[in-house]
Amino acid sequence: MTFLEHTEYNLKCKMCAKFVVLATTGIIFRGNSHHSDRIFKIQKRMIRIITNTGRQDSCHQLYKQLQILPLPSQYIFSLLAFVNKNRGLFLSNSEIHDINTRYNYNVHLPSTNLTLEQKGVLYSESRIYNHLPLNNKILLNDAKHFKSTLRSYLIEHMLYSLDKYYQLRS
């Protein structure tokens, strides 16, 4: 790699890093909005610029190769990191009742009929957390290990949408 190529690669990486910071700031509030699709397309374009691939090439393997989370996966990661950091805001099912069930580790979902409330941050976080595999939920008390395991899980599955996340079996 020549000096010019090396400098160009570093410039592209810095540009991507700035984009990641801008795209993920406040992602828990707007990660489920209709604008997130546009931001995701821009993110894919940035990945293609960094790797010098064409417009028609799939980014799926490129994300894995670069160890970068796609925007929907970053949204899931941010929501679950918030749940991890603010565990006191959420009641678990075991705190609601004393019956020992397989859903004891799940967060209690508040009953609501309003779609607006169901698309809200707290409800989304609870629902996404409840779909997390049990071996990840158990790590909730160890923040560092929880985040690294969660990141590995999301990179392994490389999710392009929340629907794909909900289709995964715990």
C-alpha atoms as a PDB file:
ATOM      1  CA  MET A   1       0.000   0.000   0.000  1.00  0.00           C
ATOM      2  CA  THR A   2       1.518   3.330  -1.047  1.00  0.00           C
ATOM      3  CA  PHE A   3       1.575   6.400   1.164  1.00  0.00           C
ATOM      4  CA  LEU A   4      -1.194   8.021  -0.902  1.00  0.00           C
ATOM      5  CA  GLU A   5      -3.411   4.930  -0.683  1.00  0.00           C
ATOM      6  CA  HIS A   6      -2.765   4.684   3.057  1.00  0.00           C
ATOM      7  CA  THR A   7      -3.674   8.370   3.560  1.00  0.00           C
ATOM      8  CA  GLU A   8      -6.813   7.967   1.448  1.00  0.00           C
ATOM      9  CA  TYR A   9      -7.860   4.913   3.482  1.00  0.00           C
ATOM     10  CA  ASN A  10      -7.312   6.807   6.773  1.00  0.00           C
ATOM     11  CA  LEU A  11      -9.332   9.734   5.462  1.00  0.00           C
ATOM     12  CA  LYS A  12     -12.184   7.410   4.505  1.00  0.00           C
ATOM     13  CA  CYS A  13     -12.098   5.760   7.959  1.00  0.00           C
ATOM     14  CA  LYS A  14     -12.205   9.140   9.707  1.00  0.00           C
ATOM     15  CA  MET A  15     -15.102  10.205   7.501  1.00  0.00           C
ATOM     16  CA  CYS A  16     -16.957   6.995   8.398  1.00  0.00           C
ATOM     17  CA  ALA A  17     -16.236   7.471  12.112  1.00  0.00           C
ATOM     18  CA  LYS A  18     -17.704  10.988  12.007  1.00  0.00           C
ATOM     19  CA  PHE A  19     -20.770   9.630  10.223  1.00  0.00           C
ATOM     20  CA  VAL A  20     -21.223   6.913  12.864  1.00  0.00           C
ATOM     21  CA  VAL A  21     -21.124   9.508  15.643  1.00  0.00           C
ATOM     22  CA  LEU A  22     -23.672  11.719  13.868  1.00  0.00           C
ATOM     23  CA  ALA A  23     -25.955   8.822  12.902  1.00  0.00           C
ATOM     24  CA  THR A  24     -26.001   7.215  16.352  1.00  0.00           C
ATOM     25  CA  THR A  25     -26.449  10.356  18.447  1.00  0.00           C
ATOM     26  CA  GLY A  26     -29.972  10.134  19.830  1.00  0.00           C
ATOM     27  CA  ILE A  27     -30.631   6.906  17.937  1.00  0.00           C
ATOM     28  CA  ILE A  28     -32.890   5.527  20.680  1.00  0.00           C
ATOM     29  CA  PHE A  29     -35.364   8.332  19.961  1.00  0.00           C
ATOM     30  CA  ARG A  30     -35.302   8.349  16.170  1.00  0.00           C
ATOM     31  CA  GLY A  31     -33.986   4.917  15.251  1.00  0.00           C
ATOM     32  CA  ASN A  32     -37.474   3.639  14.527  1.00  0.00           C
ATOM     33  CA  SER A  33     -38.576   6.649  12.445  1.00  0.00           C
ATOM     34  CA  HIS A  34     -39.139   6.681   8.710  1.00  0.00           C
ATOM     35  CA  HIS A  35     -35.936   8.747   8.257  1.00  0.00           C
ATOM     36  CA  SER A  36     -33.780   5.903   9.562  1.00  0.00           C
ATOM     37  CA  ASP A  37     -34.066   4.121   6.189  1.00  0.00           C
ATOM     38  CA  ARG A  38     -32.354   7.065   4.471  1.00  0.00           C
ATOM     39  CA  ILE A  39     -29.610   7.141   7.095  1.00  0.00           C
ATOM     40  CA  PHE A  40     -29.121   3.372   6.675  1.00  0.00           C
ATOM     41  CA  LYS A  41     -28.682   3.828   2.900  1.00  0.00           C
ATOM     42  CA  ILE A  42     -26.098   6.544   3.537  1.00  0.00           C
ATOM     43  CA  GLN A  43     -24.307   4.207   5.946  1.00  0.00           C
ATOM     44  CA  LYS A  44     -24.188   1.499   3.269  1.00  0.00           C
ATOM     45  CA  ARG A  45     -22.803   4.027   0.803  1.00  0.00           C
ATOM     46  CA  MET A  46     -20.070   4.926   3.314  1.00  0.00           C
ATOM     47  CA  ILE A  47     -19.171   1.236   3.724  1.00  0.00           C
ATOM     48  CA  ARG A  48     -18.892   0.883  -0.055  1.00  0.00           C
ATOM     49  CA  ILE A  49     -16.643   3.965  -0.247  1.00  0.00           C
ATOM     50  CA  ILE A  50     -14.313   2.602   2.430  1.00  0.00           C
ATOM     51  CA  THR A  51     -14.044  -0.808   0.786  1.00  0.00           C
ATOM     52  CA  ASN A  52     -14.007   0.480  -2.829  1.00  0.00           C
ATOM     53  CA  THR A  53     -16.928  -1.741  -3.866  1.00  0.00           C
ATOM     54  CA  GLY A  54     -19.641  -1.052  -6.399  1.00  0.00           C
ATOM     55  CA  ARG A  55     -23.192   0.181  -5.891  1.00  0.00           C
ATOM     56  CA  GLN A  56     -24.713  -3.209  -6.635  1.00  0.00           C
ATOM     57  CA  ASP A  57     -22.460  -5.159  -4.244  1.00  0.00           C
ATOM     58  CA  SER A  58     -24.006  -6.427  -1.032  1.00  0.00           C
ATOM     59  CA  CYS A  59     -22.792  -4.839   2.194  1.00  0.00           C
ATOM     60  CA  HIS A  60     -23.702  -7.830   4.344  1.00  0.00           C
ATOM     61  CA  GLN A  61     -20.213  -9.377   4.390  1.00  0.00           C
ATOM     62  CA  LEU A  62     -18.560  -5.950   4.410  1.00  0.00           C
ATOM     63  CA  TYR A  63     -20.231  -5.082   7.717  1.00  0.00           C
ATOM     64  CA  LYS A  64     -18.974  -8.362   9.198  1.00  0.00           C
ATOM     65  CA  GLN A  65     -15.494  -7.878   7.775  1.00  0.00           C
ATOM     66  CA  LEU A  66     -15.234  -4.343   9.201  1.00  0.00           C
ATOM     67  CA  GLN A  67     -16.964  -5.318  12.480  1.00  0.00           C
ATOM     68  CA  ILE A  68     -19.460  -2.454  12.058  1.00  0.00           C
ATOM     69  CA  LEU A  69     -23.085  -2.710  13.127  1.00  0.00           C
ATOM     70  CA  PRO A  70     -25.683  -1.721  10.529  1.00  0.00           C
ATOM     71  CA  LEU A  71     -27.956   1.089  11.702  1.00  0.00           C
ATOM     72  CA  PRO A  72     -30.865  -1.218  12.742  1.00  0.00           C
ATOM     73  CA  SER A  73     -28.449  -3.350  14.780  1.00  0.00           C
ATOM     74  CA  GLN A  74     -26.931  -0.207  16.287  1.00  0.00           C
ATOM     75  CA  TYR A  75     -30.475   0.872  17.268  1.00  0.00           C
ATOM     76  CA  ILE A  76     -31.046  -2.472  19.019  1.00  0.00           C
ATOM     77  CA  PHE A  77     -27.629  -2.233  20.695  1.00  0.00           C
ATOM     78  CA  SER A  78     -28.320   1.313  21.941  1.00  0.00           C
ATOM     79  CA  LEU A  79     -31.743   0.402  23.318  1.00  0.00           C
ATOM     80  CA  LEU A  80     -30.407  -2.634  25.157  1.00  0.00           C
ATOM     81  CA  ALA A  81     -27.426  -0.670  26.485  1.00  0.00           C
ATOM     82  CA  PHE A  82     -29.947   1.848  27.870  1.00  0.00           C
ATOM     83  CA  VAL A  83     -31.897  -0.955  29.554  1.00  0.00           C
ATOM     84  CA  ASN A  84     -28.635  -2.282  30.989  1.00  0.00           C
ATOM     85  CA  LYS A  85     -27.586   1.123  32.310  1.00  0.00           C
ATOM     86  CA  ASN A  86     -31.025   2.064  33.681  1.00  0.00           C
ATOM     87  CA  ARG A  87     -32.213  -1.294  34.992  1.00  0.00           C
ATOM     88  CA  GLY A  88     -34.074   0.432  37.838  1.00  0.00           C
ATOM     89  CA  LEU A  89     -36.586   1.956  35.394  1.00  0.00           C
ATOM     90  CA  PHE A  90     -37.844  -1.478  34.373  1.00  0.00           C
ATOM     91  CA  LEU A  91     -39.715  -4.079  36.418  1.00  0.00           C
ATOM     92  CA  SER A  92     -38.958  -7.714  35.733  1.00  0.00           C
ATOM     93  CA  ASN A  93     -41.703 -10.321  35.711  1.00  0.00           C
ATOM     94  CA  SER A  94     -40.213 -11.876  38.843  1.00  0.00           C
ATOM     95  CA  GLU A  95     -40.812  -8.561  40.649  1.00  0.00           C
ATOM     96  CA  ILE A  96     -44.468  -8.557  39.589  1.00  0.00           C
ATOM     97  CA  HIS A  97     -45.317 -12.073  40.801  1.00  0.00           C
ATOM     98  CA  ASP A  98     -43.662 -14.865  42.765  1.00  0.00           C
ATOM     99  CA  ILE A  99     -44.415 -17.636  40.288  1.00  0.00           C
ATOM    100  CA  ASN A 100     -41.252 -19.155  38.836  1.00  0.00           C
ATOM    101  CA  THR A 101     -41.756 -19.137  35.058  1.00  0.00           C
ATOM    102  CA  ARG A 102     -39.468 -19.236  32.033  1.00  0.00           C
ATOM    103  CA  TYR A 103     -40.208 -15.526  31.498  1.00  0.00           C
ATOM    104  CA  ASN A 104     -38.887 -14.409  34.907  1.00  0.00           C
ATOM    105  CA  TYR A 105     -35.919 -12.618  33.313  1.00  0.00           C
ATOM    106  CA  ASN A 106     -38.187 -10.671  30.959  1.00  0.00           C
ATOM    107  CA  VAL A 107     -39.091  -7.056  31.562  1.00  0.00           C
ATOM    108  CA  HIS A 108     -42.739  -6.505  32.400  1.00  0.00           C
ATOM    109  CA  LEU A 109     -44.516  -4.892  29.439  1.00  0.00           C
ATOM    110  CA  PRO A 110     -46.987  -2.226  30.490  1.00  0.00           C
ATOM    111  CA  SER A 111     -50.454  -2.839  29.075  1.00  0.00           C
ATOM    112  CA  THR A 112     -51.310  -0.216  26.491  1.00  0.00           C
ATOM    113  CA  ASN A 113     -53.664   0.079  23.572  1.00  0.00           C
ATOM    114  CA  LEU A 114     -52.199   3.181  21.938  1.00  0.00           C
ATOM    115  CA  THR A 115     -49.944   2.569  18.946  1.00  0.00           C
ATOM    116  CA  LEU A 116     -48.073   5.788  19.701  1.00  0.00           C
ATOM    117  CA  GLU A 117     -47.143   4.469  23.139  1.00  0.00           C
ATOM    118  CA  GLN A 118     -46.200   1.053  21.741  1.00  0.00           C
ATOM    119  CA  LYS A 119     -43.783   2.745  19.309  1.00  0.00           C
ATOM    120  CA  GLY A 120     -42.312   4.765  22.169  1.00  0.00           C
ATOM    121  CA  VAL A 121     -38.839   4.240  23.556  1.00  0.00           C
ATOM    122  CA  LEU A 122     -39.650   2.493  26.853  1.00  0.00           C
ATOM    123  CA  TYR A 123     -42.079   0.021  25.312  1.00  0.00           C
ATOM    124  CA  SER A 124     -39.707  -0.715  22.391  1.00  0.00           C
ATOM    125  CA  GLU A 125     -36.791  -1.258  24.763  1.00  0.00           C
ATOM    126  CA  SER A 126     -38.803  -3.668  26.872  1.00  0.00           C
ATOM    127  CA  ARG A 127     -40.015  -5.617  23.873  1.00  0.00           C
ATOM    128  CA  ILE A 128     -36.547  -5.837  22.295  1.00  0.00           C
ATOM    129  CA  TYR A 129     -35.005  -6.871  25.622  1.00  0.00           C
ATOM    130  CA  ASN A 130     -37.622  -9.607  26.095  1.00  0.00           C
ATOM    131  CA  HIS A 131     -36.675 -11.108  22.731  1.00  0.00           C
ATOM    132  CA  LEU A 132     -32.990 -11.301  23.675  1.00  0.00           C
ATOM    133  CA  PRO A 133     -31.653 -14.845  24.263  1.00  0.00           C
ATOM    134  CA  LEU A 134     -31.578 -15.920  27.917  1.00  0.00           C
ATOM    135  CA  ASN A 135     -27.780 -16.303  28.027  1.00  0.00           C
ATOM    136  CA  ASN A 136     -27.476 -12.563  27.181  1.00  0.00           C
ATOM    137  CA  LYS A 137     -30.133 -11.534  29.740  1.00  0.00           C
ATOM    138  CA  ILE A 138     -28.269 -13.297  32.519  1.00  0.00           C
ATOM    139  CA  LEU A 139     -25.238 -11.071  31.839  1.00  0.00           C
ATOM    140  CA  LEU A 140     -27.221  -7.888  32.512  1.00  0.00           C
ATOM    141  CA  ASN A 141     -25.493  -7.256  35.857  1.00  0.00           C
ATOM    142  CA  ASP A 142     -22.040  -7.281  34.224  1.00  0.00           C
ATOM    143  CA  ALA A 143     -22.273  -4.240  31.909  1.00  0.00           C
ATOM    144  CA  LYS A 144     -18.976  -4.684  30.070  1.00  0.00           C
ATOM    145  CA  HIS A 145     -19.487  -8.388  29.380  1.00  0.00           C
ATOM    146  CA  PHE A 146     -23.147  -7.775  28.449  1.00  0.00           C
ATOM    147  CA  LYS A 147     -22.214  -5.165  25.828  1.00  0.00           C
ATOM    148  CA  SER A 148     -19.427  -7.219  24.281  1.00  0.00           C
ATOM    149  CA  THR A 149     -21.605 -10.345  24.119  1.00  0.00           C
ATOM    150  CA  LEU A 150     -24.499  -8.346  22.685  1.00  0.00           C
ATOM    151  CA  ARG A 151     -22.251  -6.731  20.060  1.00  0.00           C
ATOM    152  CA  SER A 152     -20.907 -10.161  19.026  1.00  0.00           C
ATOM    153  CA  TYR A 153     -24.468 -11.508  18.831  1.00  0.00           C
ATOM    154  CA  LEU A 154     -25.593  -8.614  16.622  1.00  0.00           C
ATOM    155  CA  ILE A 155     -22.543  -8.847  14.350  1.00  0.00           C
ATOM    156  CA  GLU A 156     -23.053 -12.603  14.008  1.00  0.00           C
ATOM    157  CA  HIS A 157     -26.681 -12.166  12.932  1.00  0.00           C
ATOM    158  CA  MET A 158     -26.143  -8.891  10.985  1.00  0.00           C
ATOM    159  CA  LEU A 159     -29.697  -7.565  11.235  1.00  0.00           C
ATOM    160  CA  TYR A 160     -30.992  -5.150   8.630  1.00  0.00           C
ATOM    161  CA  SER A 161     -34.355  -4.530  10.328  1.00  0.00           C
ATOM    162  CA  LEU A 162     -36.246  -4.962  13.586  1.00  0.00           C
ATOM    163  CA  ASP A 163     -38.482  -7.516  11.893  1.00  0.00           C
ATOM    164  CA  LYS A 164     -35.425  -9.729  11.277  1.00  0.00           C
ATOM    165  CA  TYR A 165     -34.553  -9.407  14.965  1.00  0.00           C
ATOM    166  CA  TYR A 166     -38.025 -10.538  16.017  1.00  0.00           C
ATOM    167  CA  GLN A 167     -37.826 -13.478  13.593  1.00  0.00           C
ATOM    168  CA  LEU A 168     -34.728 -14.805  15.389  1.00  0.00           C
ATOM    169  CA  ARG A 169     -35.528 -17.504  17.917  1.00  0.00           C
ATOM    170  CA  SER A 170     -34.105 -16.985  21.367  1.00  0.00           C
END
